[in-house]
């Protein structure tokens, strides 16, 4: 019986993997200081597949946000290279949308106008009505269907972050980069926006990378959690696959039989 099972397994086809969308090769980041070079990242290797959601965790100062801004093309690469869909990243571009911890909206513009800024650049050939439809679609998706024409200054912090999420998805990027996007929010709002983010991401299937300090958030969001060593000379220290079925429900995730094993594994890495 055992022999028959082994034979069946040996003839099973290998799982079909998505192509690589974002790749970091021999990545290095150095800052000059009066005392000499400070090496933030060194020999960092990372590969993320198309449609994958990856969380990156690590201690403060390990270079997580530095890595993400390098992926975004907002921070110069000291060595190695980053590729998005086989193209070398040299500067910022609409193929990579970023949601920062602070929404960074233009306060005198409405929610619709803030999203429209990027949509105009990415879809120059679309009509005014088509561009507005794109903006309104994503604002509605994040729960702001009744707030298109409210100025950013009249929105709560959570609502402003919803605009930031809508703005990012409206660009139709190849990669969504999230730099602790819920870090400044209260726990209730944070949970609501995590659900909103996952719902839209599930439909769009955009490759996503999220920086977070929150172990529970990293498990809830990600297909894979990347753990970074402490700096200087930080690199990838370990990774954990989270094979919890999607779409995910918070209650089901918390009640998953392996949830606390995942949590314990990540906390053990951070503590030791």
C-alpha atoms as a PDB file:
ATOM      1  CA  UNK A   1       0.000   0.000   0.000  1.00  0.00           C
ATOM      2  CA  UNK A   2       2.834   2.349   0.960  1.00  0.00           C
ATOM      3  CA  UNK A   3       4.601   1.591  -2.329  1.00  0.00           C
ATOM      4  CA  UNK A   4       1.469   2.362  -4.331  1.00  0.00           C
ATOM      5  CA  UNK A   5       1.072   5.700  -2.498  1.00  0.00           C
ATOM      6  CA  UNK A   6       4.692   6.628  -3.218  1.00  0.00           C
ATOM      7  CA  UNK A   7       4.183   5.817  -6.892  1.00  0.00           C
ATOM      8  CA  UNK A   8       1.092   8.016  -7.071  1.00  0.00           C
ATOM      9  CA  UNK A   9       2.933  10.883  -5.393  1.00  0.00           C
ATOM     10  CA  UNK A  10       5.926  10.501  -7.713  1.00  0.00           C
ATOM     11  CA  UNK A  11       3.675  11.000 -10.737  1.00  0.00           C
ATOM     12  CA  UNK A  12       1.780  13.959  -9.311  1.00  0.00           C
ATOM     13  CA  UNK A  13       2.540  17.129 -11.317  1.00  0.00           C
ATOM     14  CA  UNK A  14       4.512  19.891  -9.643  1.00  0.00           C
ATOM     15  CA  UNK A  15       2.351  22.851  -8.552  1.00  0.00           C
ATOM     16  CA  UNK A  16       2.286  25.657 -11.103  1.00  0.00           C
ATOM     17  CA  UNK A  17       3.945  28.719  -9.580  1.00  0.00           C
ATOM     18  CA  UNK A  18       3.224  32.284 -10.632  1.00  0.00           C
ATOM     19  CA  UNK A  19       6.090  34.149 -12.295  1.00  0.00           C
ATOM     20  CA  UNK A  20       8.331  36.376 -10.206  1.00  0.00           C
ATOM     21  CA  UNK A  21       7.037  39.949 -10.032  1.00  0.00           C
ATOM     22  CA  UNK A  22       9.449  41.639  -7.612  1.00  0.00           C
ATOM     23  CA  UNK A  23      13.028  40.499  -7.101  1.00  0.00           C
ATOM     24  CA  UNK A  24      15.814  41.925  -4.918  1.00  0.00           C
ATOM     25  CA  UNK A  25      19.288  40.696  -5.885  1.00  0.00           C
ATOM     26  CA  UNK A  26      22.382  41.251  -3.721  1.00  0.00           C
ATOM     27  CA  UNK A  27      20.700  44.386  -2.391  1.00  0.00           C
ATOM     28  CA  UNK A  28      22.799  46.799  -0.365  1.00  0.00           C
ATOM     29  CA  UNK A  29      22.070  50.169   1.243  1.00  0.00           C
ATOM     30  CA  UNK A  30      24.788  52.345   2.744  1.00  0.00           C
ATOM     31  CA  UNK A  31      24.523  55.775   4.371  1.00  0.00           C
ATOM     32  CA  UNK A  32      27.644  57.929   4.823  1.00  0.00           C
ATOM     33  CA  UNK A  33      28.251  59.188   8.356  1.00  0.00           C
ATOM     34  CA  UNK A  34      31.035  61.269   9.981  1.00  0.00           C
ATOM     35  CA  UNK A  35      32.400  58.008  11.388  1.00  0.00           C
ATOM     36  CA  UNK A  36      32.302  56.189   8.063  1.00  0.00           C
ATOM     37  CA  UNK A  37      29.761  54.101   6.180  1.00  0.00           C
ATOM     38  CA  UNK A  38      26.692  52.761   7.950  1.00  0.00           C
ATOM     39  CA  UNK A  39      25.487  49.623   6.173  1.00  0.00           C
ATOM     40  CA  UNK A  40      21.734  49.290   6.644  1.00  0.00           C
ATOM     41  CA  UNK A  41      21.110  46.368   4.265  1.00  0.00           C
ATOM     42  CA  UNK A  42      23.686  43.945   2.937  1.00  0.00           C
ATOM     43  CA  UNK A  43      23.434  41.014   0.514  1.00  0.00           C
ATOM     44  CA  UNK A  44      19.641  40.972   0.765  1.00  0.00           C
ATOM     45  CA  UNK A  45      17.899  38.446  -1.492  1.00  0.00           C
ATOM     46  CA  UNK A  46      14.127  38.372  -1.926  1.00  0.00           C
ATOM     47  CA  UNK A  47      11.742  37.058  -4.564  1.00  0.00           C
ATOM     48  CA  UNK A  48       7.989  37.742  -4.570  1.00  0.00           C
ATOM     49  CA  UNK A  49       5.647  36.090  -7.044  1.00  0.00           C
ATOM     50  CA  UNK A  50       2.841  37.671  -9.035  1.00  0.00           C
ATOM     51  CA  UNK A  51      -0.313  38.021  -6.947  1.00  0.00           C
ATOM     52  CA  UNK A  52       1.455  37.111  -3.706  1.00  0.00           C
ATOM     53  CA  UNK A  53       0.864  39.103  -0.509  1.00  0.00           C
ATOM     54  CA  UNK A  54       4.033  39.313   1.574  1.00  0.00           C
ATOM     55  CA  UNK A  55       4.474  40.905   4.999  1.00  0.00           C
ATOM     56  CA  UNK A  56       7.886  42.020   6.240  1.00  0.00           C
ATOM     57  CA  UNK A  57       8.545  42.241   9.979  1.00  0.00           C
ATOM     58  CA  UNK A  58      11.585  43.046  12.099  1.00  0.00           C
ATOM     59  CA  UNK A  59      12.774  45.253  14.912  1.00  0.00           C
ATOM     60  CA  UNK A  60      12.736  49.044  14.578  1.00  0.00           C
ATOM     61  CA  UNK A  61      15.787  50.252  12.714  1.00  0.00           C
ATOM     62  CA  UNK A  62      16.394  47.000  10.842  1.00  0.00           C
ATOM     63  CA  UNK A  63      15.767  48.666   7.473  1.00  0.00           C
ATOM     64  CA  UNK A  64      12.222  47.514   6.652  1.00  0.00           C
ATOM     65  CA  UNK A  65      11.016  50.937   5.528  1.00  0.00           C
ATOM     66  CA  UNK A  66      14.344  51.582   3.805  1.00  0.00           C
ATOM     67  CA  UNK A  67      13.817  48.402   1.797  1.00  0.00           C
ATOM     68  CA  UNK A  68      10.292  49.420   0.851  1.00  0.00           C
ATOM     69  CA  UNK A  69      11.309  52.924  -0.274  1.00  0.00           C
ATOM     70  CA  UNK A  70      14.038  51.347  -2.405  1.00  0.00           C
ATOM     71  CA  UNK A  71      11.399  49.093  -3.987  1.00  0.00           C
ATOM     72  CA  UNK A  72       9.327  52.207  -4.639  1.00  0.00           C
ATOM     73  CA  UNK A  73      12.264  53.951  -6.334  1.00  0.00           C
ATOM     74  CA  UNK A  74      12.268  56.694  -3.691  1.00  0.00           C
ATOM     75  CA  UNK A  75      15.595  55.736  -2.126  1.00  0.00           C
ATOM     76  CA  UNK A  76      18.853  55.207  -3.994  1.00  0.00           C
ATOM     77  CA  UNK A  77      20.221  51.677  -4.207  1.00  0.00           C
ATOM     78  CA  UNK A  78      23.842  51.388  -3.051  1.00  0.00           C
ATOM     79  CA  UNK A  79      24.435  47.958  -4.562  1.00  0.00           C
ATOM     80  CA  UNK A  80      22.647  45.094  -6.254  1.00  0.00           C
ATOM     81  CA  UNK A  81      19.346  45.676  -8.006  1.00  0.00           C
ATOM     82  CA  UNK A  82      15.577  45.483  -7.730  1.00  0.00           C
ATOM     83  CA  UNK A  83      13.462  44.243 -10.625  1.00  0.00           C
ATOM     84  CA  UNK A  84       9.716  44.597 -11.132  1.00  0.00           C
ATOM     85  CA  UNK A  85       8.353  42.332 -13.850  1.00  0.00           C
ATOM     86  CA  UNK A  86      11.953  41.929 -15.117  1.00  0.00           C
ATOM     87  CA  UNK A  87      12.490  45.716 -15.400  1.00  0.00           C
ATOM     88  CA  UNK A  88      15.238  47.271 -13.261  1.00  0.00           C
ATOM     89  CA  UNK A  89      13.946  49.844 -10.765  1.00  0.00           C
ATOM     90  CA  UNK A  90      15.762  53.139 -11.271  1.00  0.00           C
ATOM     91  CA  UNK A  91      13.248  55.638  -9.940  1.00  0.00           C
ATOM     92  CA  UNK A  92       9.602  55.939  -8.898  1.00  0.00           C
ATOM     93  CA  UNK A  93       6.906  54.849 -11.340  1.00  0.00           C
ATOM     94  CA  UNK A  94       3.179  54.136 -11.562  1.00  0.00           C
ATOM     95  CA  UNK A  95       3.836  50.386 -11.710  1.00  0.00           C
ATOM     96  CA  UNK A  96       4.478  50.652  -7.937  1.00  0.00           C
ATOM     97  CA  UNK A  97       1.882  52.358  -5.742  1.00  0.00           C
ATOM     98  CA  UNK A  98       2.725  53.239  -2.143  1.00  0.00           C
ATOM     99  CA  UNK A  99       0.466  53.624   0.894  1.00  0.00           C
ATOM    100  CA  UNK A 100       2.393  55.303   3.707  1.00  0.00           C
ATOM    101  CA  UNK A 101       1.630  55.424   7.422  1.00  0.00           C
ATOM    102  CA  UNK A 102       0.516  59.014   6.895  1.00  0.00           C
ATOM    103  CA  UNK A 103      -1.992  59.417   4.020  1.00  0.00           C
ATOM    104  CA  UNK A 104      -0.055  62.404   2.549  1.00  0.00           C
ATOM    105  CA  UNK A 105      -3.125  63.957   0.927  1.00  0.00           C
ATOM    106  CA  UNK A 106      -3.330  67.507  -0.380  1.00  0.00           C
ATOM    107  CA  UNK A 107      -5.559  68.987   2.346  1.00  0.00           C
ATOM    108  CA  UNK A 108      -7.248  71.620   0.173  1.00  0.00           C
ATOM    109  CA  UNK A 109      -8.432  69.037  -2.387  1.00  0.00           C
ATOM    110  CA  UNK A 110     -11.426  66.722  -2.125  1.00  0.00           C
ATOM    111  CA  UNK A 111     -11.148  62.957  -1.779  1.00  0.00           C
ATOM    112  CA  UNK A 112     -12.011  62.630  -5.471  1.00  0.00           C
ATOM    113  CA  UNK A 113      -9.423  65.216  -6.535  1.00  0.00           C
ATOM    114  CA  UNK A 114      -6.691  63.539  -4.476  1.00  0.00           C
ATOM    115  CA  UNK A 115      -7.279  60.227  -6.229  1.00  0.00           C
ATOM    116  CA  UNK A 116      -7.636  61.961  -9.579  1.00  0.00           C
ATOM    117  CA  UNK A 117      -4.064  63.336  -9.457  1.00  0.00           C
ATOM    118  CA  UNK A 118      -2.536  59.914 -10.074  1.00  0.00           C
ATOM    119  CA  UNK A 119      -5.304  58.666 -12.361  1.00  0.00           C
ATOM    120  CA  UNK A 120      -4.681  61.596 -14.732  1.00  0.00           C
ATOM    121  CA  UNK A 121      -1.025  60.583 -15.047  1.00  0.00           C
ATOM    122  CA  UNK A 122      -1.657  56.860 -15.517  1.00  0.00           C
ATOM    123  CA  UNK A 123      -4.632  57.124 -17.892  1.00  0.00           C
ATOM    124  CA  UNK A 124      -3.891  60.244 -19.993  1.00  0.00           C
ATOM    125  CA  UNK A 125      -5.994  58.992 -22.917  1.00  0.00           C
ATOM    126  CA  UNK A 126      -9.147  58.408 -20.882  1.00  0.00           C
ATOM    127  CA  UNK A 127     -11.993  60.924 -20.919  1.00  0.00           C
ATOM    128  CA  UNK A 128     -12.761  63.069 -17.893  1.00  0.00           C
ATOM    129  CA  UNK A 129     -15.836  60.940 -17.173  1.00  0.00           C
ATOM    130  CA  UNK A 130     -13.839  57.703 -17.412  1.00  0.00           C
ATOM    131  CA  UNK A 131     -11.211  59.027 -15.003  1.00  0.00           C
ATOM    132  CA  UNK A 132     -13.895  60.106 -12.548  1.00  0.00           C
ATOM    133  CA  UNK A 133     -15.511  56.685 -12.785  1.00  0.00           C
ATOM    134  CA  UNK A 134     -12.207  55.015 -11.849  1.00  0.00           C
ATOM    135  CA  UNK A 135     -11.751  57.343  -8.858  1.00  0.00           C
ATOM    136  CA  UNK A 136     -15.325  56.927  -7.660  1.00  0.00           C
ATOM    137  CA  UNK A 137     -15.194  53.147  -8.050  1.00  0.00           C
ATOM    138  CA  UNK A 138     -12.238  52.775  -5.681  1.00  0.00           C
ATOM    139  CA  UNK A 139     -13.445  55.429  -3.240  1.00  0.00           C
ATOM    140  CA  UNK A 140     -16.713  53.541  -3.038  1.00  0.00           C
ATOM    141  CA  UNK A 141     -14.817  50.273  -2.524  1.00  0.00           C
ATOM    142  CA  UNK A 142     -13.049  51.709   0.551  1.00  0.00           C
ATOM    143  CA  UNK A 143     -16.345  52.949   1.990  1.00  0.00           C
ATOM    144  CA  UNK A 144     -16.276  56.596   0.902  1.00  0.00           C
ATOM    145  CA  UNK A 145     -19.114  56.465  -1.619  1.00  0.00           C
ATOM    146  CA  UNK A 146     -20.812  59.419   0.083  1.00  0.00           C
ATOM    147  CA  UNK A 147     -17.659  61.466   0.589  1.00  0.00           C
ATOM    148  CA  UNK A 148     -16.306  62.118  -2.924  1.00  0.00           C
ATOM    149  CA  UNK A 149     -16.479  65.882  -2.559  1.00  0.00           C
ATOM    150  CA  UNK A 150     -15.309  66.304   1.034  1.00  0.00           C
ATOM    151  CA  UNK A 151     -11.976  68.060   1.432  1.00  0.00           C
ATOM    152  CA  UNK A 152      -9.184  66.019   2.986  1.00  0.00           C
ATOM    153  CA  UNK A 153      -9.116  68.356   6.002  1.00  0.00           C
ATOM    154  CA  UNK A 154     -12.736  67.440   6.732  1.00  0.00           C
ATOM    155  CA  UNK A 155     -12.003  63.710   6.834  1.00  0.00           C
ATOM    156  CA  UNK A 156     -10.980  61.721   9.898  1.00  0.00           C
ATOM    157  CA  UNK A 157      -7.563  60.082   9.952  1.00  0.00           C
ATOM    158  CA  UNK A 158      -9.118  56.713   9.131  1.00  0.00           C
ATOM    159  CA  UNK A 159     -11.079  58.189   6.223  1.00  0.00           C
ATOM    160  CA  UNK A 160      -7.929  59.871   4.908  1.00  0.00           C
ATOM    161  CA  UNK A 161      -6.152  56.529   4.931  1.00  0.00           C
ATOM    162  CA  UNK A 162      -9.070  55.049   3.009  1.00  0.00           C
ATOM    163  CA  UNK A 163      -8.457  57.714   0.360  1.00  0.00           C
ATOM    164  CA  UNK A 164      -4.782  56.699   0.312  1.00  0.00           C
ATOM    165  CA  UNK A 165      -5.728  53.063  -0.285  1.00  0.00           C
ATOM    166  CA  UNK A 166      -8.206  54.041  -3.024  1.00  0.00           C
ATOM    167  CA  UNK A 167      -5.562  56.227  -4.668  1.00  0.00           C
ATOM    168  CA  UNK A 168      -3.070  53.350  -4.732  1.00  0.00           C
ATOM    169  CA  UNK A 169      -5.454  50.787  -6.244  1.00  0.00           C
ATOM    170  CA  UNK A 170      -6.783  53.318  -8.777  1.00  0.00           C
ATOM    171  CA  UNK A 171      -3.328  53.434 -10.397  1.00  0.00           C
ATOM    172  CA  UNK A 172      -3.689  49.758 -11.363  1.00  0.00           C
ATOM    173  CA  UNK A 173      -0.084  49.099 -10.277  1.00  0.00           C
ATOM    174  CA  UNK A 174       1.842  45.881 -10.707  1.00  0.00           C
ATOM    175  CA  UNK A 175       3.013  46.083  -7.081  1.00  0.00           C
ATOM    176  CA  UNK A 176       1.292  47.599  -4.039  1.00  0.00           C
ATOM    177  CA  UNK A 177       3.724  48.756  -1.351  1.00  0.00           C
ATOM    178  CA  UNK A 178       2.361  49.338   2.168  1.00  0.00           C
ATOM    179  CA  UNK A 179       4.558  51.030   4.781  1.00  0.00           C
ATOM    180  CA  UNK A 180       2.773  50.399   8.101  1.00  0.00           C
ATOM    181  CA  UNK A 181      -0.430  51.882   6.649  1.00  0.00           C
ATOM    182  CA  UNK A 182      -2.463  51.218   9.800  1.00  0.00           C
ATOM    183  CA  UNK A 183       0.168  52.079  12.386  1.00  0.00           C
ATOM    184  CA  UNK A 184      -1.356  55.428  13.393  1.00  0.00           C
ATOM    185  CA  UNK A 185      -4.946  54.179  13.687  1.00  0.00           C
ATOM    186  CA  UNK A 186      -6.904  52.891  16.668  1.00  0.00           C
ATOM    187  CA  UNK A 187      -7.432  49.142  16.857  1.00  0.00           C
ATOM    188  CA  UNK A 188     -11.051  49.213  15.661  1.00  0.00           C
ATOM    189  CA  UNK A 189     -10.284  51.365  12.607  1.00  0.00           C
ATOM    190  CA  UNK A 190      -7.156  49.331  11.899  1.00  0.00           C
ATOM    191  CA  UNK A 191      -9.170  46.111  11.814  1.00  0.00           C
ATOM    192  CA  UNK A 192     -11.794  47.651   9.521  1.00  0.00           C
ATOM    193  CA  UNK A 193      -9.176  48.885   7.057  1.00  0.00           C
ATOM    194  CA  UNK A 194      -7.337  45.562   7.057  1.00  0.00           C
ATOM    195  CA  UNK A 195     -10.607  43.959   5.957  1.00  0.00           C
ATOM    196  CA  UNK A 196     -11.132  46.653   3.298  1.00  0.00           C
ATOM    197  CA  UNK A 197      -7.600  46.211   1.979  1.00  0.00           C
ATOM    198  CA  UNK A 198      -7.885  42.440   1.729  1.00  0.00           C
ATOM    199  CA  UNK A 199     -11.282  42.603   0.045  1.00  0.00           C
ATOM    200  CA  UNK A 200     -10.000  44.873  -2.737  1.00  0.00           C
ATOM    201  CA  UNK A 201      -6.681  43.035  -3.032  1.00  0.00           C
ATOM    202  CA  UNK A 202      -8.499  39.714  -3.365  1.00  0.00           C
ATOM    203  CA  UNK A 203     -10.424  41.100  -6.352  1.00  0.00           C
ATOM    204  CA  UNK A 204      -7.489  42.908  -7.996  1.00  0.00           C
ATOM    205  CA  UNK A 205      -4.846  40.211  -7.308  1.00  0.00           C
ATOM    206  CA  UNK A 206      -2.031  42.755  -7.249  1.00  0.00           C
ATOM    207  CA  UNK A 207       1.331  41.723  -5.821  1.00  0.00           C
ATOM    208  CA  UNK A 208       1.519  43.327  -2.368  1.00  0.00           C
ATOM    209  CA  UNK A 209       4.304  43.983   0.137  1.00  0.00           C
ATOM    210  CA  UNK A 210       3.402  45.242   3.624  1.00  0.00           C
ATOM    211  CA  UNK A 211       5.802  46.513   6.271  1.00  0.00           C
ATOM    212  CA  UNK A 212       4.407  45.977   9.765  1.00  0.00           C
ATOM    213  CA  UNK A 213       5.409  45.692  13.424  1.00  0.00           C
ATOM    214  CA  UNK A 214       2.241  43.778  14.195  1.00  0.00           C
ATOM    215  CA  UNK A 215       2.668  39.983  14.206  1.00  0.00           C
ATOM    216  CA  UNK A 216      -1.085  39.353  14.144  1.00  0.00           C
ATOM    217  CA  UNK A 217      -1.521  41.741  11.214  1.00  0.00           C
ATOM    218  CA  UNK A 218       1.271  40.032   9.296  1.00  0.00           C
ATOM    219  CA  UNK A 219      -0.413  36.630   9.700  1.00  0.00           C
ATOM    220  CA  UNK A 220      -3.876  37.912   8.797  1.00  0.00           C
ATOM    221  CA  UNK A 221      -2.741  39.693   5.628  1.00  0.00           C
ATOM    222  CA  UNK A 222       0.028  37.617   4.158  1.00  0.00           C
ATOM    223  CA  UNK A 223       0.680  34.470   2.177  1.00  0.00           C
ATOM    224  CA  UNK A 224       4.239  34.631   3.472  1.00  0.00           C
ATOM    225  CA  UNK A 225       5.898  36.542   6.318  1.00  0.00           C
ATOM    226  CA  UNK A 226       9.503  37.652   5.763  1.00  0.00           C
ATOM    227  CA  UNK A 227      11.588  38.177   8.917  1.00  0.00           C
ATOM    228  CA  UNK A 228      14.514  40.593   8.794  1.00  0.00           C
ATOM    229  CA  UNK A 229      17.581  40.401  11.003  1.00  0.00           C
ATOM    230  CA  UNK A 230      18.468  43.382  13.148  1.00  0.00           C
ATOM    231  CA  UNK A 231      20.777  45.959  11.601  1.00  0.00           C
ATOM    232  CA  UNK A 232      23.341  47.006  10.708  1.00  0.00           C
ATOM    233  CA  UNK A 233      24.035  44.636   7.786  1.00  0.00           C
ATOM    234  CA  UNK A 234      20.390  43.502   7.898  1.00  0.00           C
ATOM    235  CA  UNK A 235      19.146  40.809   5.538  1.00  0.00           C
ATOM    236  CA  UNK A 236      16.400  38.206   5.338  1.00  0.00           C
ATOM    237  CA  UNK A 237      16.680  36.009   8.417  1.00  0.00           C
ATOM    238  CA  UNK A 238      13.780  33.627   7.921  1.00  0.00           C
ATOM    239  CA  UNK A 239      10.375  33.304   6.312  1.00  0.00           C
ATOM    240  CA  UNK A 240       7.085  31.667   7.258  1.00  0.00           C
ATOM    241  CA  UNK A 241       4.422  30.496   4.805  1.00  0.00           C
ATOM    242  CA  UNK A 242       0.839  31.148   5.964  1.00  0.00           C
ATOM    243  CA  UNK A 243      -1.294  28.587   4.069  1.00  0.00           C
ATOM    244  CA  UNK A 244      -4.618  29.784   5.499  1.00  0.00           C
ATOM    245  CA  UNK A 245      -7.341  29.636   2.880  1.00  0.00           C
ATOM    246  CA  UNK A 246      -8.558  32.800   1.167  1.00  0.00           C
ATOM    247  CA  UNK A 247     -10.737  34.791   1.227  1.00  0.00           C
ATOM    248  CA  UNK A 248      -9.960  35.184   4.908  1.00  0.00           C
ATOM    249  CA  UNK A 249     -12.319  35.916   7.743  1.00  0.00           C
ATOM    250  CA  UNK A 250     -10.763  37.325  10.911  1.00  0.00           C
ATOM    251  CA  UNK A 251     -12.685  34.935  13.171  1.00  0.00           C
ATOM    252  CA  UNK A 252     -11.677  31.916  11.084  1.00  0.00           C
ATOM    253  CA  UNK A 253      -8.031  33.004  11.035  1.00  0.00           C
ATOM    254  CA  UNK A 254      -7.936  33.408  14.831  1.00  0.00           C
ATOM    255  CA  UNK A 255      -9.553  30.001  15.261  1.00  0.00           C
ATOM    256  CA  UNK A 256      -7.269  28.265  12.750  1.00  0.00           C
ATOM    257  CA  UNK A 257      -5.578  25.294  14.489  1.00  0.00           C
ATOM    258  CA  UNK A 258      -2.095  26.522  13.487  1.00  0.00           C
ATOM    259  CA  UNK A 259      -2.618  30.226  14.204  1.00  0.00           C
ATOM    260  CA  UNK A 260      -0.840  30.284  17.550  1.00  0.00           C
ATOM    261  CA  UNK A 261       1.983  28.156  16.179  1.00  0.00           C
ATOM    262  CA  UNK A 262       2.521  30.773  13.451  1.00  0.00           C
ATOM    263  CA  UNK A 263       2.340  33.546  16.029  1.00  0.00           C
ATOM    264  CA  UNK A 264       4.744  31.811  18.370  1.00  0.00           C
ATOM    265  CA  UNK A 265       7.239  31.173  15.557  1.00  0.00           C
ATOM    266  CA  UNK A 266       7.309  34.858  14.577  1.00  0.00           C
ATOM    267  CA  UNK A 267       7.558  36.082  18.171  1.00  0.00           C
ATOM    268  CA  UNK A 268      10.360  33.628  18.862  1.00  0.00           C
ATOM    269  CA  UNK A 269      12.332  35.016  15.918  1.00  0.00           C
ATOM    270  CA  UNK A 270      11.801  38.608  17.063  1.00  0.00           C
ATOM    271  CA  UNK A 271      12.725  37.805  20.674  1.00  0.00           C
ATOM    272  CA  UNK A 272      15.800  35.727  19.932  1.00  0.00           C
END
